[in-house]
Amino acid sequence: MINNKKFLRKVYKDKRSNTPINQFHRLSKGIFDNLVELNIWNKDIYHIYLSVESKNEVNTNDIINFILNRNKRVIVPKLSDKNLIHFEIDKKTKFIKNKLGIREPITKVRFDISLLEVIIVPLLVFDKNGHRVGYGGGYYDKFMSNINNDVIKVGLSLFDPIDKINDINNEDISLNFVVTPTRTYSFN
């Protein structure tokens, strides 16, 4: 198998989009169940992506509610040109969909990312070294290169890891954990 990012991106987008909806919901529930067992809930500020159901992204709505119900702060990204900008949300936040179909909060007050403690990251596939393949825009790698090294980075994956992504470079930020429907992988 040619394990470069471009090839893997196509294979795992197809694999994910061909996952039957009832199986997808079961896999997302398994990820949620494993995530809540992870020892990261003693922090106060969590950054998490807003999932896009039409792309079969791991559902983050229950995770966001779980965090908010623990009286923790939730920060979400918003696309701005070639970067992510970040906003705090709560249970009353209103959202709109951007041109890519991604929900974004209707707010103008940006959040200072130097305060983040945990980042929950989207991905298509990951390897046994904690490297990930995303959608190819580099948004998350650029964002994570500008945060403190002690911030915990957690990926959510419908699938188990592959052995190795062959074209990892210095801009690719590795994860501390990846949670799948069956287990949690640690890369500390």
Protein backbone atom coordinates (compact mmCIF):
# COMPACT_ATOMS: atom_id res chain seq x y z
CA MET A 1 0.00 0.00 0.00
CA ILE A 2 1.24 3.48 -0.86
CA ASN A 3 0.89 5.10 2.54
CA ASN A 4 1.31 8.72 1.55
CA LYS A 5 -1.20 11.31 2.79
CA LYS A 6 -2.85 11.93 -0.58
CA PHE A 7 -3.53 8.22 -1.14
CA LEU A 8 -4.65 7.61 2.45
CA ARG A 9 -6.92 10.68 2.37
CA LYS A 10 -8.79 9.30 -0.64
CA VAL A 11 -9.01 5.72 0.70
CA TYR A 12 -10.27 6.75 4.15
CA LYS A 13 -12.69 9.40 2.88
CA ASP A 14 -14.23 6.68 0.71
CA LYS A 15 -14.17 4.14 3.54
CA ARG A 16 -15.80 6.60 5.91
CA SER A 17 -18.47 7.74 3.44
CA ASN A 18 -19.33 4.10 2.67
CA THR A 19 -19.87 3.26 6.34
CA PRO A 20 -23.59 2.46 6.80
CA ILE A 21 -25.32 5.08 8.96
CA ASN A 22 -26.34 2.64 11.73
CA GLN A 23 -22.75 1.35 11.94
CA PHE A 24 -21.45 4.94 11.92
CA HIS A 25 -23.66 5.83 14.90
CA ARG A 26 -22.50 2.71 16.76
CA LEU A 27 -18.83 3.57 16.06
CA SER A 28 -19.31 7.20 17.21
CA LYS A 29 -20.95 5.94 20.42
CA GLY A 30 -17.97 3.63 21.03
CA ILE A 31 -15.60 6.56 20.59
CA PHE A 32 -17.64 8.68 23.01
CA ASP A 33 -17.68 5.86 25.59
CA ASN A 34 -13.88 5.43 25.34
CA LEU A 35 -13.22 9.17 25.34
CA VAL A 36 -15.06 9.80 28.60
CA GLU A 37 -12.84 7.15 30.23
CA LEU A 38 -9.67 9.00 29.18
CA ASN A 39 -7.94 10.81 32.05
CA ILE A 40 -8.27 14.35 30.61
CA TRP A 41 -11.36 15.67 32.37
CA ASN A 42 -9.51 17.46 35.18
CA LYS A 43 -8.76 20.36 32.79
CA ASP A 44 -10.91 23.46 32.34
CA ILE A 45 -10.61 24.54 28.69
CA TYR A 46 -11.29 22.18 25.76
CA HIS A 47 -11.02 22.91 22.06
CA ILE A 48 -13.13 20.67 19.83
CA TYR A 49 -14.17 20.64 16.20
CA LEU A 50 -17.81 20.83 15.17
CA SER A 51 -18.53 17.64 13.24
CA VAL A 52 -20.15 17.52 9.81
CA GLU A 53 -22.68 14.71 9.71
CA SER A 54 -22.84 14.61 5.91
CA LYS A 55 -19.11 13.73 5.87
CA ASN A 56 -19.54 10.98 8.48
CA GLU A 57 -17.19 12.79 10.86
CA VAL A 58 -17.10 11.38 14.37
CA ASN A 59 -20.04 13.08 16.06
CA THR A 60 -18.86 15.70 18.57
CA ASN A 61 -22.25 16.98 19.76
CA ASP A 62 -22.45 14.54 22.69
CA ILE A 63 -18.82 15.29 23.59
CA ILE A 64 -19.51 19.04 23.63
CA ASN A 65 -22.57 18.51 25.86
CA PHE A 66 -20.54 16.23 28.14
CA ILE A 67 -17.88 18.94 28.56
CA LEU A 68 -20.40 21.74 29.09
CA ASN A 69 -22.33 19.65 31.62
CA ARG A 70 -19.11 19.33 33.64
CA ASN A 71 -18.98 23.18 33.82
CA LYS A 72 -15.91 23.30 31.60
CA ARG A 73 -15.23 25.78 28.82
CA VAL A 74 -15.61 24.74 25.16
CA ILE A 75 -13.75 26.45 22.34
CA VAL A 76 -14.52 25.74 18.67
CA PRO A 77 -12.77 26.74 15.44
CA LYS A 78 -14.00 28.84 12.58
CA LEU A 79 -12.37 29.10 9.15
CA SER A 80 -10.90 32.47 8.26
CA ASP A 81 -8.98 32.57 4.98
CA LYS A 82 -6.28 29.89 5.40
CA ASN A 83 -6.42 29.82 9.22
CA LEU A 84 -8.58 28.73 12.10
CA ILE A 85 -9.83 31.34 14.53
CA HIS A 86 -11.33 30.27 17.84
CA PHE A 87 -14.46 31.09 19.83
CA GLU A 88 -15.97 30.02 23.11
CA ILE A 89 -19.45 28.50 23.00
CA ASP A 90 -22.07 27.55 25.55
CA LYS A 91 -25.48 25.89 25.50
CA LYS A 92 -27.11 29.07 24.16
CA THR A 93 -24.71 29.67 21.25
CA LYS A 94 -26.32 30.00 17.80
CA PHE A 95 -24.60 28.60 14.70
CA ILE A 96 -24.60 29.06 10.93
CA LYS A 97 -23.09 26.77 8.26
CA ASN A 98 -20.13 28.04 6.25
CA LYS A 99 -19.49 27.37 2.54
CA LEU A 100 -18.06 23.91 3.40
CA GLY A 101 -21.14 22.90 5.40
CA ILE A 102 -19.33 23.27 8.73
CA ARG A 103 -21.25 24.81 11.64
CA GLU A 104 -19.68 27.96 13.04
CA PRO A 105 -20.72 30.00 16.06
CA ILE A 106 -22.27 33.41 15.55
CA THR A 107 -19.95 35.47 17.73
CA LYS A 108 -17.19 38.01 17.26
CA VAL A 109 -15.16 37.61 20.46
CA ARG A 110 -12.06 35.54 19.72
CA PHE A 111 -10.56 33.20 22.29
CA ASP A 112 -6.89 33.33 23.33
CA ILE A 113 -5.50 29.91 22.31
CA SER A 114 -2.62 30.18 24.78
CA LEU A 115 -5.18 29.21 27.46
CA LEU A 116 -6.14 25.88 25.84
CA GLU A 117 -5.49 22.68 27.79
CA VAL A 118 -6.97 19.94 25.55
CA ILE A 119 -7.57 19.89 21.80
CA ILE A 120 -9.84 17.27 20.22
CA VAL A 121 -8.75 16.95 16.62
CA PRO A 122 -10.52 15.60 13.51
CA LEU A 123 -8.75 13.08 11.29
CA LEU A 124 -9.32 10.53 8.55
CA VAL A 125 -6.63 8.01 9.54
CA PHE A 126 -3.67 7.81 11.90
CA ASP A 127 -0.56 5.69 12.29
CA LYS A 128 1.07 3.80 15.16
CA ASN A 129 3.34 6.81 15.84
CA GLY A 130 0.46 9.22 16.53
CA HIS A 131 0.60 11.02 13.18
CA ARG A 132 -2.66 11.87 11.46
CA VAL A 133 -4.03 12.51 8.00
CA GLY A 134 -6.65 15.25 7.89
CA TYR A 135 -8.40 16.82 4.94
CA GLY A 136 -5.21 18.32 3.53
CA GLY A 137 -5.70 22.00 4.27
CA GLY A 138 -3.09 22.06 7.04
CA TYR A 139 -5.42 24.07 9.29
CA TYR A 140 -4.95 21.94 12.39
CA ASP A 141 -1.21 21.42 12.00
CA LYS A 142 -0.73 25.19 11.63
CA PHE A 143 -3.00 25.82 14.63
CA MET A 144 -1.31 23.17 16.81
CA SER A 145 2.17 24.48 15.95
CA ASN A 146 1.17 27.75 17.66
CA ILE A 147 0.08 26.32 21.00
CA ASN A 148 1.95 25.32 24.15
CA ASN A 149 3.66 21.94 24.01
CA ASP A 150 1.88 20.73 27.14
CA VAL A 151 -1.59 20.98 25.54
CA ILE A 152 -3.07 17.48 25.24
CA LYS A 153 -3.92 16.60 21.64
CA VAL A 154 -6.59 13.91 21.17
CA GLY A 155 -7.70 12.52 17.80
CA LEU A 156 -10.99 10.74 17.16
CA SER A 157 -10.91 7.92 14.59
CA LEU A 158 -13.53 5.53 13.27
CA PHE A 159 -10.71 3.18 12.24
CA ASP A 160 -7.71 1.50 13.84
CA PRO A 161 -4.21 2.79 12.98
CA ILE A 162 -2.16 1.90 9.95
CA ASP A 163 1.50 1.02 10.48
CA LYS A 164 3.03 4.21 9.12
CA ILE A 165 2.24 7.35 7.12
CA ASN A 166 5.22 7.63 4.78
CA ASP A 167 5.33 11.36 4.04
CA ILE A 168 5.26 12.93 7.52
CA ASN A 169 7.18 16.21 7.66
CA ASN A 170 8.23 18.80 10.26
CA GLU A 171 4.91 20.68 9.95
CA ASP A 172 2.91 17.59 10.94
CA ILE A 173 2.04 17.66 14.63
CA SER A 174 1.66 14.29 16.35
CA LEU A 175 -1.11 13.48 18.80
CA ASN A 176 -0.93 12.37 22.42
CA PHE A 177 -3.95 10.06 22.14
CA VAL A 178 -6.30 8.70 19.49
CA VAL A 179 -9.65 7.31 20.58
CA THR A 180 -11.30 4.66 18.40
CA PRO A 181 -14.54 2.72 18.91
CA THR A 182 -12.64 -0.19 20.48
CA ARG A 183 -9.74 1.38 22.40
CA THR A 184 -7.56 4.40 23.12
CA TYR A 185 -4.03 4.64 21.71
CA SER A 186 -1.43 6.59 23.70
CA PHE A 187 1.62 8.22 22.13
CA ASN A 188 3.13 10.01 25.14
